[in-house]
Amino acid sequence: MRTDDRQNADDEDIAVEHAAERLAGRYPDVPRERIDELVEKHRVEFDGAPVRDFVPVLIEHDVKQELNASRQGGTTGQQEERSR
């Protein structure tokens, strides 16, 4: 891995952590461990994506959708969420 790639990966890690912190603030009734699990679950979906700039934003969006759906008793299938 080149130095630039490592720096980009570090920046992405920081951005994803900030997204998790925002989610924890927005959903104080959800245990932080659960938020971290969901963040990691959705992060894996972007493994290998050639463009990484928006991965943290997309992860945060997907986790919000899943948490909101679970609050409303809806399904949380990724295919269904992506089609909205």
N, C-alpha and C. Protein backbone atom coordinates (compact mmCIF):
# COMPACT_ATOMS: atom_id res chain seq x y z
N MET A 1 0.86 -1.18 0.00
CA MET A 1 0.00 0.00 0.00
C MET A 1 0.90 1.23 0.00
N ARG A 2 0.61 2.15 -0.90
CA ARG A 2 1.39 3.38 -0.97
C ARG A 2 1.04 4.29 0.20
N THR A 3 1.93 5.25 0.47
CA THR A 3 1.71 6.19 1.56
C THR A 3 0.41 6.96 1.37
N ASP A 4 0.14 7.40 0.13
CA ASP A 4 -1.10 8.12 -0.15
C ASP A 4 -2.32 7.25 0.14
N ASP A 5 -2.26 5.99 -0.24
CA ASP A 5 -3.37 5.07 0.01
C ASP A 5 -3.58 4.88 1.50
N ARG A 6 -2.50 4.76 2.25
CA ARG A 6 -2.62 4.56 3.70
C ARG A 6 -3.23 5.80 4.35
N GLN A 7 -2.80 6.98 3.90
CA GLN A 7 -3.36 8.22 4.43
C GLN A 7 -4.85 8.31 4.13
N ASN A 8 -5.23 7.94 2.92
CA ASN A 8 -6.65 7.94 2.56
C ASN A 8 -7.43 6.96 3.41
N ALA A 9 -6.86 5.79 3.67
CA ALA A 9 -7.53 4.79 4.52
C ALA A 9 -7.66 5.32 5.94
N ASP A 10 -6.62 5.98 6.44
CA ASP A 10 -6.68 6.56 7.79
C ASP A 10 -7.76 7.64 7.86
N ASP A 11 -7.81 8.48 6.83
CA ASP A 11 -8.84 9.53 6.78
C ASP A 11 -10.24 8.92 6.75
N GLU A 12 -10.39 7.84 6.01
CA GLU A 12 -11.69 7.17 5.94
C GLU A 12 -12.05 6.58 7.31
N ASP A 13 -11.09 5.97 7.97
CA ASP A 13 -11.34 5.41 9.31
C ASP A 13 -11.83 6.49 10.26
N ILE A 14 -11.19 7.65 10.22
CA ILE A 14 -11.59 8.76 11.09
C ILE A 14 -12.99 9.23 10.73
N ALA A 15 -13.29 9.36 9.45
CA ALA A 15 -14.61 9.82 9.02
C ALA A 15 -15.70 8.81 9.42
N VAL A 16 -15.41 7.53 9.32
CA VAL A 16 -16.38 6.51 9.72
C VAL A 16 -16.60 6.57 11.23
N GLU A 17 -15.55 6.78 12.00
CA GLU A 17 -15.69 6.91 13.46
C GLU A 17 -16.54 8.14 13.80
N HIS A 18 -16.33 9.23 13.11
CA HIS A 18 -17.16 10.43 13.33
C HIS A 18 -18.62 10.15 12.98
N ALA A 19 -18.85 9.40 11.93
CA ALA A 19 -20.22 9.03 11.57
C ALA A 19 -20.86 8.19 12.68
N ALA A 20 -20.10 7.26 13.24
CA ALA A 20 -20.61 6.43 14.34
C ALA A 20 -20.94 7.29 15.55
N GLU A 21 -20.10 8.28 15.82
CA GLU A 21 -20.37 9.19 16.94
C GLU A 21 -21.64 10.00 16.71
N ARG A 22 -21.83 10.47 15.48
CA ARG A 22 -23.06 11.21 15.17
C ARG A 22 -24.29 10.31 15.33
N LEU A 23 -24.17 9.07 14.87
CA LEU A 23 -25.28 8.13 15.01
C LEU A 23 -25.59 7.86 16.48
N ALA A 24 -24.56 7.72 17.29
CA ALA A 24 -24.76 7.49 18.73
C ALA A 24 -25.48 8.68 19.36
N GLY A 25 -25.16 9.88 18.92
CA GLY A 25 -25.84 11.07 19.43
C GLY A 25 -27.27 11.17 18.96
N ARG A 26 -27.51 10.74 17.74
CA ARG A 26 -28.86 10.80 17.17
C ARG A 26 -29.77 9.70 17.73
N TYR A 27 -29.18 8.57 18.09
CA TYR A 27 -29.94 7.43 18.60
C TYR A 27 -29.42 7.04 19.98
N PRO A 28 -29.64 7.89 21.00
CA PRO A 28 -29.08 7.62 22.32
C PRO A 28 -29.65 6.37 22.99
N ASP A 29 -30.81 5.91 22.53
CA ASP A 29 -31.42 4.71 23.10
C ASP A 29 -30.82 3.42 22.53
N VAL A 30 -30.01 3.53 21.49
CA VAL A 30 -29.37 2.36 20.88
C VAL A 30 -27.98 2.22 21.48
N PRO A 31 -27.66 1.04 22.02
CA PRO A 31 -26.32 0.86 22.60
C PRO A 31 -25.22 1.13 21.56
N ARG A 32 -24.16 1.76 22.01
CA ARG A 32 -23.06 2.10 21.10
C ARG A 32 -22.50 0.85 20.42
N GLU A 33 -22.48 -0.26 21.13
CA GLU A 33 -21.98 -1.51 20.54
C GLU A 33 -22.82 -1.90 19.32
N ARG A 34 -24.13 -1.70 19.42
CA ARG A 34 -25.02 -2.02 18.30
C ARG A 34 -24.75 -1.10 17.11
N ILE A 35 -24.56 0.16 17.39
CA ILE A 35 -24.24 1.11 16.31
C ILE A 35 -22.94 0.71 15.64
N ASP A 36 -21.93 0.37 16.44
CA ASP A 36 -20.64 -0.05 15.87
C ASP A 36 -20.80 -1.31 15.02
N GLU A 37 -21.64 -2.25 15.47
CA GLU A 37 -21.90 -3.46 14.68
C GLU A 37 -22.53 -3.12 13.33
N LEU A 38 -23.50 -2.23 13.36
CA LEU A 38 -24.18 -1.84 12.11
C LEU A 38 -23.23 -1.09 11.18
N VAL A 39 -22.42 -0.21 11.75
CA VAL A 39 -21.44 0.52 10.94
C VAL A 39 -20.51 -0.47 10.25
N GLU A 40 -20.01 -1.44 11.00
CA GLU A 40 -19.09 -2.43 10.41
C GLU A 40 -19.80 -3.28 9.36
N LYS A 41 -21.04 -3.67 9.65
CA LYS A 41 -21.82 -4.46 8.69
C LYS A 41 -21.95 -3.72 7.36
N HIS A 42 -22.27 -2.45 7.43
CA HIS A 42 -22.46 -1.68 6.20
C HIS A 42 -21.12 -1.30 5.57
N ARG A 43 -20.09 -1.16 6.37
CA ARG A 43 -18.77 -0.84 5.81
C ARG A 43 -18.26 -1.98 4.93
N VAL A 44 -18.50 -3.20 5.36
CA VAL A 44 -18.05 -4.37 4.60
C VAL A 44 -18.68 -4.37 3.21
N GLU A 45 -19.89 -3.86 3.10
CA GLU A 45 -20.57 -3.82 1.80
C GLU A 45 -19.83 -2.96 0.78
N PHE A 46 -18.98 -2.05 1.26
CA PHE A 46 -18.24 -1.17 0.36
C PHE A 46 -16.80 -1.62 0.15
N ASP A 47 -16.43 -2.77 0.71
CA ASP A 47 -15.08 -3.29 0.47
C ASP A 47 -14.85 -3.44 -1.02
N GLY A 48 -13.73 -2.97 -1.48
CA GLY A 48 -13.40 -3.09 -2.89
C GLY A 48 -13.97 -2.01 -3.77
N ALA A 49 -14.76 -1.10 -3.19
CA ALA A 49 -15.30 0.00 -4.00
C ALA A 49 -14.15 0.88 -4.48
N PRO A 50 -14.08 1.15 -5.77
CA PRO A 50 -12.94 1.91 -6.29
C PRO A 50 -12.94 3.38 -5.85
N VAL A 51 -14.11 3.96 -5.67
CA VAL A 51 -14.21 5.35 -5.22
C VAL A 51 -14.63 5.32 -3.76
N ARG A 52 -13.79 5.87 -2.89
CA ARG A 52 -14.01 5.76 -1.45
C ARG A 52 -14.48 7.06 -0.82
N ASP A 53 -14.54 8.14 -1.58
CA ASP A 53 -14.79 9.46 -1.01
C ASP A 53 -16.07 9.54 -0.18
N PHE A 54 -17.11 8.87 -0.60
CA PHE A 54 -18.40 9.01 0.06
C PHE A 54 -18.78 7.80 0.91
N VAL A 55 -17.87 6.88 1.10
CA VAL A 55 -18.17 5.67 1.87
C VAL A 55 -18.67 6.01 3.27
N PRO A 56 -18.02 6.90 4.04
CA PRO A 56 -18.53 7.20 5.38
C PRO A 56 -19.95 7.75 5.37
N VAL A 57 -20.26 8.61 4.40
CA VAL A 57 -21.61 9.18 4.30
C VAL A 57 -22.62 8.10 3.95
N LEU A 58 -22.25 7.22 3.04
CA LEU A 58 -23.15 6.13 2.64
C LEU A 58 -23.39 5.16 3.79
N ILE A 59 -22.36 4.87 4.56
CA ILE A 59 -22.50 4.00 5.73
C ILE A 59 -23.47 4.64 6.72
N GLU A 60 -23.27 5.91 7.01
CA GLU A 60 -24.14 6.60 7.96
C GLU A 60 -25.59 6.58 7.47
N HIS A 61 -25.79 6.82 6.21
CA HIS A 61 -27.13 6.79 5.62
C HIS A 61 -27.78 5.42 5.78
N ASP A 62 -27.03 4.38 5.45
CA ASP A 62 -27.57 3.01 5.52
C ASP A 62 -27.90 2.62 6.96
N VAL A 63 -27.05 3.00 7.90
CA VAL A 63 -27.31 2.67 9.31
C VAL A 63 -28.56 3.41 9.79
N LYS A 64 -28.69 4.68 9.42
CA LYS A 64 -29.90 5.44 9.80
C LYS A 64 -31.15 4.76 9.26
N GLN A 65 -31.10 4.35 8.00
CA GLN A 65 -32.26 3.66 7.42
C GLN A 65 -32.59 2.39 8.19
N GLU A 66 -31.57 1.63 8.52
CA GLU A 66 -31.81 0.38 9.24
C GLU A 66 -32.38 0.65 10.63
N LEU A 67 -31.83 1.62 11.34
CA LEU A 67 -32.33 1.93 12.68
C LEU A 67 -33.76 2.47 12.62
N ASN A 68 -34.03 3.33 11.66
CA ASN A 68 -35.39 3.87 11.53
C ASN A 68 -36.38 2.78 11.16
N ALA A 69 -36.00 1.88 10.28
CA ALA A 69 -36.89 0.78 9.89
C ALA A 69 -37.16 -0.13 11.07
N SER A 70 -36.14 -0.40 11.87
CA SER A 70 -36.35 -1.29 13.01
C SER A 70 -37.24 -0.63 14.06
N ARG A 71 -37.16 0.68 14.17
CA ARG A 71 -38.04 1.40 15.11
C ARG A 71 -39.49 1.33 14.66
N GLN A 72 -39.69 1.32 13.35
CA GLN A 72 -41.05 1.29 12.80
C GLN A 72 -41.54 -0.13 12.57
N GLY A 73 -40.71 -1.10 12.92
CA GLY A 73 -41.10 -2.49 12.74
C GLY A 73 -41.02 -2.95 11.31
N GLY A 74 -40.36 -2.17 10.46
CA GLY A 74 -40.24 -2.53 9.05
C GLY A 74 -39.09 -3.49 8.82
N THR A 75 -38.96 -3.92 7.59
CA THR A 75 -37.85 -4.80 7.24
C THR A 75 -36.61 -3.96 7.03
N THR A 76 -35.46 -4.62 7.09
CA THR A 76 -34.21 -3.90 6.94
C THR A 76 -33.36 -4.50 5.84
N GLY A 77 -34.00 -5.16 4.88
CA GLY A 77 -33.24 -5.78 3.80
C GLY A 77 -32.49 -4.75 2.98
N GLN A 78 -31.23 -5.00 2.71
CA GLN A 78 -30.39 -4.06 1.99
C GLN A 78 -30.94 -3.79 0.59
N GLN A 79 -31.45 -4.80 -0.09
CA GLN A 79 -31.99 -4.60 -1.43
C GLN A 79 -33.16 -3.62 -1.39
N GLU A 80 -34.02 -3.79 -0.42
CA GLU A 80 -35.18 -2.92 -0.30
C GLU A 80 -34.75 -1.49 0.00
N GLU A 81 -33.76 -1.31 0.88
CA GLU A 81 -33.29 0.01 1.23
C GLU A 81 -32.66 0.70 0.04
N ARG A 82 -31.88 -0.01 -0.75
CA ARG A 82 -31.18 0.58 -1.89
C ARG A 82 -32.17 1.01 -2.98
N SER A 83 -33.34 0.37 -3.04
CA SER A 83 -34.28 0.68 -4.11
C SER A 83 -35.12 1.92 -3.80
N ARG A 84 -35.03 2.44 -2.61
CA ARG A 84 -35.83 3.61 -2.23
C ARG A 84 -35.29 4.87 -2.81
